[in-house]
Amino acid sequence: MKRLLDAGKIVNTHGVRGELRIIPWCDSAEFLLGFKNLYIDGKPVRVSASRVHKSNLLIKLEGIDDINSALLLKNQIVQIDRTEANLPAGTYFIEDMIGLRVLDDMTGDEIGRVTEVLKMPANDIYVVKGEREYMIPAVKAFVIETNVGGGYLRVKMQKGLAVDED
């Protein structure tokens, strides 16, 4: 597993004192508030202040004190160190879900692998590709076990989960 995970993109400056606007690539900008360090090009940068504004993250980095310095960071990808993230029990990084084998709980057969996680209003959807393509809601009624370390999900298969199913 990669230690540094992409967490968002610096899309602009904010004001003239070096603040940066980041569009988060995680569940919410609030998640990023707890990080004292972010990483740009694999190098740590210290966060001196951060706040949420209109679902974006506004941050002030140490050593970036004016708009000209901030503009140099525009379009950069910011990363977090996974060891500094305090994920609630039962939640996982999307990156860790991609590639997991998906097993039918009843038969034990592998039905495919997670190729994508769709963020939907009610819940996430796991896109699983094997001989067929499935869209499996990431809820307890369908996902029986998530074992990232073991490399698999056990799911309860039901009619209607296959994309091409009538």
Foldseek 3Di string as FASTA:
>chain_A
DDQKDFFWFFAAADDFFQKTKTQTPDPFQVQVQQDQWKDWPNHTWGWPHWDDDPRIIITHTPPRTGRVSNVVRHGTTIIDGPVSGDDDPPDDDQVLQFFFFEAEQVPRDTQFGFHGWDDDPVAIWTWGDDVFTFTHGPDCQFFVDDDSVVRHTYTHDDQPGTPPGD
